[in-house]
Amino acid sequence: MATGVDLLIMAVTTALLAIFAPALIRAFNRDPEVVRVGAAYLRIVSPFYIFAAFGVILGRALNAPGTAWRR
């Protein structure tokens, strides 16, 4: 269930980053070249955040059974 919720949250976040990438970069730097490169970077990298989040969630899921036997 956690991975399903993660997929939904990260898919929405990825879509928002792709749509609003120029505005987000422009909030930190108004140079047109920086905005262009930064927006391209966010659009390329943000889909991989889904896999990074899966790694964290599934890693924590594997850690949880290991901590139960120590009690």
PDB file of N, CA and C in Angstrom:
ATOM      1  N   MET A   1       0.824  -1.187   0.000  1.00  0.00           N
ATOM      2  CA  MET A   1       0.000   0.000   0.000  1.00  0.00           C
ATOM      3  C   MET A   1       0.874   1.259   0.000  1.00  0.00           C
ATOM      4  N   ALA A   2       1.952   1.212   0.776  1.00  0.00           N
ATOM      5  CA  ALA A   2       2.844   2.373   0.839  1.00  0.00           C
ATOM      6  C   ALA A   2       3.473   2.668  -0.513  1.00  0.00           C
ATOM      7  N   THR A   3       3.818   1.621  -1.269  1.00  0.00           N
ATOM      8  CA  THR A   3       4.419   1.864  -2.583  1.00  0.00           C
ATOM      9  C   THR A   3       3.394   2.450  -3.553  1.00  0.00           C
ATOM     10  N   GLY A   4       2.134   2.068  -3.414  1.00  0.00           N
ATOM     11  CA  GLY A   4       1.084   2.654  -4.250  1.00  0.00           C
ATOM     12  C   GLY A   4       0.876   4.128  -3.955  1.00  0.00           C
ATOM     13  N   VAL A   5       0.855   4.459  -2.673  1.00  0.00           N
ATOM     14  CA  VAL A   5       0.728   5.866  -2.274  1.00  0.00           C
ATOM     15  C   VAL A   5       1.948   6.651  -2.753  1.00  0.00           C
ATOM     16  N   ASP A   6       3.123   6.041  -2.614  1.00  0.00           N
ATOM     17  CA  ASP A   6       4.359   6.670  -3.081  1.00  0.00           C
ATOM     18  C   ASP A   6       4.300   6.939  -4.580  1.00  0.00           C
ATOM     19  N   LEU A   7       3.837   5.973  -5.347  1.00  0.00           N
ATOM     20  CA  LEU A   7       3.742   6.145  -6.791  1.00  0.00           C
ATOM     21  C   LEU A   7       2.837   7.318  -7.131  1.00  0.00           C
ATOM     22  N   LEU A   8       1.703   7.406  -6.470  1.00  0.00           N
ATOM     23  CA  LEU A   8       0.762   8.498  -6.721  1.00  0.00           C
ATOM     24  C   LEU A   8       1.378   9.848  -6.373  1.00  0.00           C
ATOM     25  N   ILE A   9       1.957   9.954  -5.199  1.00  0.00           N
ATOM     26  CA  ILE A   9       2.555  11.227  -4.768  1.00  0.00           C
ATOM     27  C   ILE A   9       3.694  11.637  -5.691  1.00  0.00           C
ATOM     28  N   MET A  10       4.552  10.701  -6.020  1.00  0.00           N
ATOM     29  CA  MET A  10       5.704  11.046  -6.854  1.00  0.00           C
ATOM     30  C   MET A  10       5.305  11.328  -8.303  1.00  0.00           C
ATOM     31  N   ALA A  11       4.272  10.669  -8.800  1.00  0.00           N
ATOM     32  CA  ALA A  11       3.802  10.961 -10.153  1.00  0.00           C
ATOM     33  C   ALA A  11       3.232  12.379 -10.229  1.00  0.00           C
ATOM     34  N   VAL A  12       2.472  12.762  -9.216  1.00  0.00           N
ATOM     35  CA  VAL A  12       1.930  14.122  -9.173  1.00  0.00           C
ATOM     36  C   VAL A  12       3.066  15.137  -9.039  1.00  0.00           C
ATOM     37  N   THR A  13       4.025  14.849  -8.163  1.00  0.00           N
ATOM     38  CA  THR A  13       5.162  15.750  -7.978  1.00  0.00           C
ATOM     39  C   THR A  13       5.973  15.881  -9.255  1.00  0.00           C
ATOM     40  N   THR A  14       6.203  14.780  -9.936  1.00  0.00           N
ATOM     41  CA  THR A  14       6.947  14.811 -11.192  1.00  0.00           C
ATOM     42  C   THR A  14       6.217  15.651 -12.231  1.00  0.00           C
ATOM     43  N   ALA A  15       4.911  15.477 -12.329  1.00  0.00           N
ATOM     44  CA  ALA A  15       4.131  16.267 -13.285  1.00  0.00           C
ATOM     45  C   ALA A  15       4.185  17.752 -12.948  1.00  0.00           C
ATOM     46  N   LEU A  16       4.051  18.077 -11.673  1.00  0.00           N
ATOM     47  CA  LEU A  16       4.117  19.489 -11.272  1.00  0.00           C
ATOM     48  C   LEU A  16       5.487  20.089 -11.535  1.00  0.00           C
ATOM     49  N   LEU A  17       6.543  19.322 -11.264  1.00  0.00           N
ATOM     50  CA  LEU A  17       7.894  19.819 -11.545  1.00  0.00           C
ATOM     51  C   LEU A  17       8.093  20.044 -13.034  1.00  0.00           C
ATOM     52  N   ALA A  18       7.573  19.160 -13.858  1.00  0.00           N
ATOM     53  CA  ALA A  18       7.718  19.314 -15.305  1.00  0.00           C
ATOM     54  C   ALA A  18       6.941  20.527 -15.811  1.00  0.00           C
ATOM     55  N   ILE A  19       5.753  20.724 -15.278  1.00  0.00           N
ATOM     56  CA  ILE A  19       4.917  21.838 -15.734  1.00  0.00           C
ATOM     57  C   ILE A  19       5.453  23.181 -15.242  1.00  0.00           C
ATOM     58  N   PHE A  20       5.818  23.240 -13.970  1.00  0.00           N
ATOM     59  CA  PHE A  20       6.214  24.509 -13.367  1.00  0.00           C
ATOM     60  C   PHE A  20       7.730  24.675 -13.230  1.00  0.00           C
ATOM     61  N   ALA A  21       8.504  23.891 -13.954  1.00  0.00           N
ATOM     62  CA  ALA A  21       9.961  23.954 -13.837  1.00  0.00           C
ATOM     63  C   ALA A  21      10.519  25.359 -14.090  1.00  0.00           C
ATOM     64  N   PRO A  22      10.136  26.032 -15.172  1.00  0.00           N
ATOM     65  CA  PRO A  22      10.698  27.380 -15.382  1.00  0.00           C
ATOM     66  C   PRO A  22      10.349  28.353 -14.253  1.00  0.00           C
ATOM     67  N   ALA A  23       9.119  28.311 -13.773  1.00  0.00           N
ATOM     68  CA  ALA A  23       8.714  29.223 -12.691  1.00  0.00           C
ATOM     69  C   ALA A  23       9.480  28.917 -11.411  1.00  0.00           C
ATOM     70  N   LEU A  24       9.692  27.633 -11.138  1.00  0.00           N
ATOM     71  CA  LEU A  24      10.434  27.254  -9.939  1.00  0.00           C
ATOM     72  C   LEU A  24      11.884  27.731 -10.015  1.00  0.00           C
ATOM     73  N   ILE A  25      12.517  27.537 -11.138  1.00  0.00           N
ATOM     74  CA  ILE A  25      13.905  28.002 -11.306  1.00  0.00           C
ATOM     75  C   ILE A  25      13.957  29.518 -11.268  1.00  0.00           C
ATOM     76  N   ARG A  26      12.982  30.166 -11.895  1.00  0.00           N
ATOM     77  CA  ARG A  26      12.945  31.632 -11.924  1.00  0.00           C
ATOM     78  C   ARG A  26      12.805  32.225 -10.524  1.00  0.00           C
ATOM     79  N   ALA A  27      12.258  31.480  -9.578  1.00  0.00           N
ATOM     80  CA  ALA A  27      12.133  31.967  -8.200  1.00  0.00           C
ATOM     81  C   ALA A  27      13.512  32.141  -7.551  1.00  0.00           C
ATOM     82  N   PHE A  28      14.511  31.418  -8.063  1.00  0.00           N
ATOM     83  CA  PHE A  28      15.855  31.490  -7.500  1.00  0.00           C
ATOM     84  C   PHE A  28      16.824  32.301  -8.353  1.00  0.00           C
ATOM     85  N   ASN A  29      16.583  32.351  -9.671  1.00  0.00           N
ATOM     86  CA  ASN A  29      17.501  33.053 -10.561  1.00  0.00           C
ATOM     87  C   ASN A  29      16.740  33.462 -11.813  1.00  0.00           C
ATOM     88  N   ARG A  30      16.842  34.723 -12.193  1.00  0.00           N
ATOM     89  CA  ARG A  30      16.078  35.228 -13.336  1.00  0.00           C
ATOM     90  C   ARG A  30      16.867  35.213 -14.649  1.00  0.00           C
ATOM     91  N   ASP A  31      18.098  34.787 -14.644  1.00  0.00           N
ATOM     92  CA  ASP A  31      18.891  34.707 -15.866  1.00  0.00           C
ATOM     93  C   ASP A  31      18.235  33.705 -16.825  1.00  0.00           C
ATOM     94  N   PRO A  32      17.896  34.120 -18.050  1.00  0.00           N
ATOM     95  CA  PRO A  32      17.182  33.232 -18.976  1.00  0.00           C
ATOM     96  C   PRO A  32      17.925  31.926 -19.274  1.00  0.00           C
ATOM     97  N   GLU A  33      19.230  31.960 -19.349  1.00  0.00           N
ATOM     98  CA  GLU A  33      20.002  30.744 -19.617  1.00  0.00           C
ATOM     99  C   GLU A  33      19.935  29.778 -18.426  1.00  0.00           C
ATOM    100  N   VAL A  34      20.008  30.334 -17.226  1.00  0.00           N
ATOM    101  CA  VAL A  34      19.896  29.501 -16.022  1.00  0.00           C
ATOM    102  C   VAL A  34      18.504  28.876 -15.951  1.00  0.00           C
ATOM    103  N   VAL A  35      17.479  29.644 -16.268  1.00  0.00           N
ATOM    104  CA  VAL A  35      16.102  29.131 -16.250  1.00  0.00           C
ATOM    105  C   VAL A  35      15.950  28.025 -17.286  1.00  0.00           C
ATOM    106  N   ARG A  36      16.500  28.213 -18.482  1.00  0.00           N
ATOM    107  CA  ARG A  36      16.390  27.211 -19.546  1.00  0.00           C
ATOM    108  C   ARG A  36      17.068  25.905 -19.141  1.00  0.00           C
ATOM    109  N   VAL A  37      18.303  26.005 -18.666  1.00  0.00           N
ATOM    110  CA  VAL A  37      19.055  24.808 -18.289  1.00  0.00           C
ATOM    111  C   VAL A  37      18.450  24.158 -17.037  1.00  0.00           C
ATOM    112  N   GLY A  38      18.077  24.964 -16.064  1.00  0.00           N
ATOM    113  CA  GLY A  38      17.485  24.433 -14.836  1.00  0.00           C
ATOM    114  C   GLY A  38      16.165  23.731 -15.082  1.00  0.00           C
ATOM    115  N   ALA A  39      15.332  24.304 -15.944  1.00  0.00           N
ATOM    116  CA  ALA A  39      14.050  23.676 -16.269  1.00  0.00           C
ATOM    117  C   ALA A  39      14.271  22.356 -17.011  1.00  0.00           C
ATOM    118  N   ALA A  40      15.221  22.340 -17.920  1.00  0.00           N
ATOM    119  CA  ALA A  40      15.537  21.097 -18.630  1.00  0.00           C
ATOM    120  C   ALA A  40      16.035  20.040 -17.649  1.00  0.00           C
ATOM    121  N   TYR A  41      16.879  20.451 -16.724  1.00  0.00           N
ATOM    122  CA  TYR A  41      17.392  19.528 -15.712  1.00  0.00           C
ATOM    123  C   TYR A  41      16.250  18.927 -14.883  1.00  0.00           C
ATOM    124  N   LEU A  42      15.352  19.766 -14.393  1.00  0.00           N
ATOM    125  CA  LEU A  42      14.240  19.269 -13.581  1.00  0.00           C
ATOM    126  C   LEU A  42      13.358  18.307 -14.372  1.00  0.00           C
ATOM    127  N   ARG A  43      13.139  18.611 -15.640  1.00  0.00           N
ATOM    128  CA  ARG A  43      12.295  17.740 -16.456  1.00  0.00           C
ATOM    129  C   ARG A  43      12.956  16.394 -16.728  1.00  0.00           C
ATOM    130  N   ILE A  44      14.269  16.377 -16.805  1.00  0.00           N
ATOM    131  CA  ILE A  44      14.983  15.116 -17.051  1.00  0.00           C
ATOM    132  C   ILE A  44      15.099  14.291 -15.774  1.00  0.00           C
ATOM    133  N   VAL A  45      15.424  14.929 -14.668  1.00  0.00           N
ATOM    134  CA  VAL A  45      15.750  14.227 -13.430  1.00  0.00           C
ATOM    135  C   VAL A  45      14.514  13.841 -12.610  1.00  0.00           C
ATOM    136  N   SER A  46      13.465  14.639 -12.637  1.00  0.00           N
ATOM    137  CA  SER A  46      12.338  14.407 -11.734  1.00  0.00           C
ATOM    138  C   SER A  46      11.669  13.034 -11.893  1.00  0.00           C
ATOM    139  N   PRO A  47      11.569  12.429 -13.069  1.00  0.00           N
ATOM    140  CA  PRO A  47      10.972  11.080 -13.121  1.00  0.00           C
ATOM    141  C   PRO A  47      11.766  10.036 -12.330  1.00  0.00           C
ATOM    142  N   PHE A  48      13.044  10.237 -12.169  1.00  0.00           N
ATOM    143  CA  PHE A  48      13.862   9.280 -11.434  1.00  0.00           C
ATOM    144  C   PHE A  48      13.660   9.379  -9.925  1.00  0.00           C
ATOM    145  N   TYR A  49      13.051  10.459  -9.464  1.00  0.00           N
ATOM    146  CA  TYR A  49      12.719  10.577  -8.040  1.00  0.00           C
ATOM    147  C   TYR A  49      11.724   9.492  -7.623  1.00  0.00           C
ATOM    148  N   ILE A  50      10.899   9.044  -8.570  1.00  0.00           N
ATOM    149  CA  ILE A  50       9.958   7.961  -8.279  1.00  0.00           C
ATOM    150  C   ILE A  50      10.727   6.718  -7.843  1.00  0.00           C
ATOM    151  N   PHE A  51      11.780   6.383  -8.582  1.00  0.00           N
ATOM    152  CA  PHE A  51      12.565   5.193  -8.259  1.00  0.00           C
ATOM    153  C   PHE A  51      13.352   5.374  -6.964  1.00  0.00           C
ATOM    154  N   ALA A  52      13.832   6.582  -6.719  1.00  0.00           N
ATOM    155  CA  ALA A  52      14.542   6.847  -5.467  1.00  0.00           C
ATOM    156  C   ALA A  52      13.597   6.684  -4.275  1.00  0.00           C
ATOM    157  N   ALA A  53      12.386   7.164  -4.409  1.00  0.00           N
ATOM    158  CA  ALA A  53      11.409   7.026  -3.329  1.00  0.00           C
ATOM    159  C   ALA A  53      11.042   5.559  -3.107  1.00  0.00           C
ATOM    160  N   PHE A  54      10.907   4.791  -4.198  1.00  0.00           N
ATOM    161  CA  PHE A  54      10.653   3.356  -4.062  1.00  0.00           C
ATOM    162  C   PHE A  54      11.774   2.687  -3.293  1.00  0.00           C
ATOM    163  N   GLY A  55      13.002   3.068  -3.589  1.00  0.00           N
ATOM    164  CA  GLY A  55      14.142   2.497  -2.889  1.00  0.00           C
ATOM    165  C   GLY A  55      14.089   2.766  -1.402  1.00  0.00           C
ATOM    166  N   VAL A  56      13.723   3.978  -1.032  1.00  0.00           N
ATOM    167  CA  VAL A  56      13.634   4.330   0.388  1.00  0.00           C
ATOM    168  C   VAL A  56      12.513   3.541   1.061  1.00  0.00           C
ATOM    169  N   ILE A  57      11.347   3.514   0.435  1.00  0.00           N
ATOM    170  CA  ILE A  57      10.203   2.822   1.046  1.00  0.00           C
ATOM    171  C   ILE A  57      10.456   1.330   1.165  1.00  0.00           C
ATOM    172  N   LEU A  58      10.930   0.714   0.097  1.00  0.00           N
ATOM    173  CA  LEU A  58      11.159  -0.726   0.145  1.00  0.00           C
ATOM    174  C   LEU A  58      12.326  -1.073   1.074  1.00  0.00           C
ATOM    175  N   GLY A  59      13.318  -0.207   1.147  1.00  0.00           N
ATOM    176  CA  GLY A  59      14.415  -0.422   2.089  1.00  0.00           C
ATOM    177  C   GLY A  59      13.936  -0.370   3.527  1.00  0.00           C
ATOM    178  N   ARG A  60      13.084   0.591   3.829  1.00  0.00           N
ATOM    179  CA  ARG A  60      12.519   0.680   5.181  1.00  0.00           C
ATOM    180  C   ARG A  60      11.634  -0.524   5.484  1.00  0.00           C
ATOM    181  N   ALA A  61      10.904  -0.989   4.472  1.00  0.00           N
ATOM    182  CA  ALA A  61      10.043  -2.161   4.662  1.00  0.00           C
ATOM    183  C   ALA A  61      10.884  -3.392   4.991  1.00  0.00           C
ATOM    184  N   LEU A  62      12.052  -3.499   4.401  1.00  0.00           N
ATOM    185  CA  LEU A  62      12.925  -4.633   4.704  1.00  0.00           C
ATOM    186  C   LEU A  62      13.607  -4.477   6.061  1.00  0.00           C
ATOM    187  N   ASN A  63      13.819  -3.258   6.500  1.00  0.00           N
ATOM    188  CA  ASN A  63      14.418  -3.026   7.818  1.00  0.00           C
ATOM    189  C   ASN A  63      13.439  -3.334   8.953  1.00  0.00           C
ATOM    190  N   ALA A  64      12.165  -3.098   8.731  1.00  0.00           N
ATOM    191  CA  ALA A  64      11.175  -3.260   9.797  1.00  0.00           C
ATOM    192  C   ALA A  64      11.140  -4.674  10.368  1.00  0.00           C
ATOM    193  N   PRO A  65      11.101  -5.731   9.559  1.00  0.00           N
ATOM    194  CA  PRO A  65      11.102  -7.081  10.168  1.00  0.00           C
ATOM    195  C   PRO A  65      12.374  -7.378  10.942  1.00  0.00           C
ATOM    196  N   GLY A  66      13.477  -6.805  10.530  1.00  0.00           N
ATOM    197  CA  GLY A  66      14.727  -7.042  11.220  1.00  0.00           C
ATOM    198  C   GLY A  66      14.781  -6.424  12.603  1.00  0.00           C
ATOM    199  N   THR A  67      14.033  -5.358  12.832  1.00  0.00           N
ATOM    200  CA  THR A  67      14.043  -4.716  14.140  1.00  0.00           C
ATOM    201  C   THR A  67      13.110  -5.398  15.120  1.00  0.00           C
ATOM    202  N   ALA A  68      12.118  -6.148  14.629  1.00  0.00           N
ATOM    203  CA  ALA A  68      11.136  -6.770  15.519  1.00  0.00           C
ATOM    204  C   ALA A  68      11.757  -7.870  16.370  1.00  0.00           C
ATOM    205  N   TRP A  69      12.683  -8.637  15.845  1.00  0.00           N
ATOM    206  CA  TRP A  69      13.256  -9.751  16.598  1.00  0.00           C
ATOM    207  C   TRP A  69      14.224  -9.293  17.687  1.00  0.00           C
ATOM    208  N   ARG A  70      14.668  -8.054  17.643  1.00  0.00           N
ATOM    209  CA  ARG A  70      15.614  -7.534  18.633  1.00  0.00           C
ATOM    210  C   ARG A  70      14.945  -7.176  19.963  1.00  0.00           C
ATOM    211  N   ARG A  71      13.657  -7.090  19.984  1.00  0.00           N
ATOM    212  CA  ARG A  71      12.953  -6.647  21.203  1.00  0.00           C
ATOM    213  C   ARG A  71      12.892  -7.693  22.242  1.00  0.00           C
TER     214      ARG A  71
END
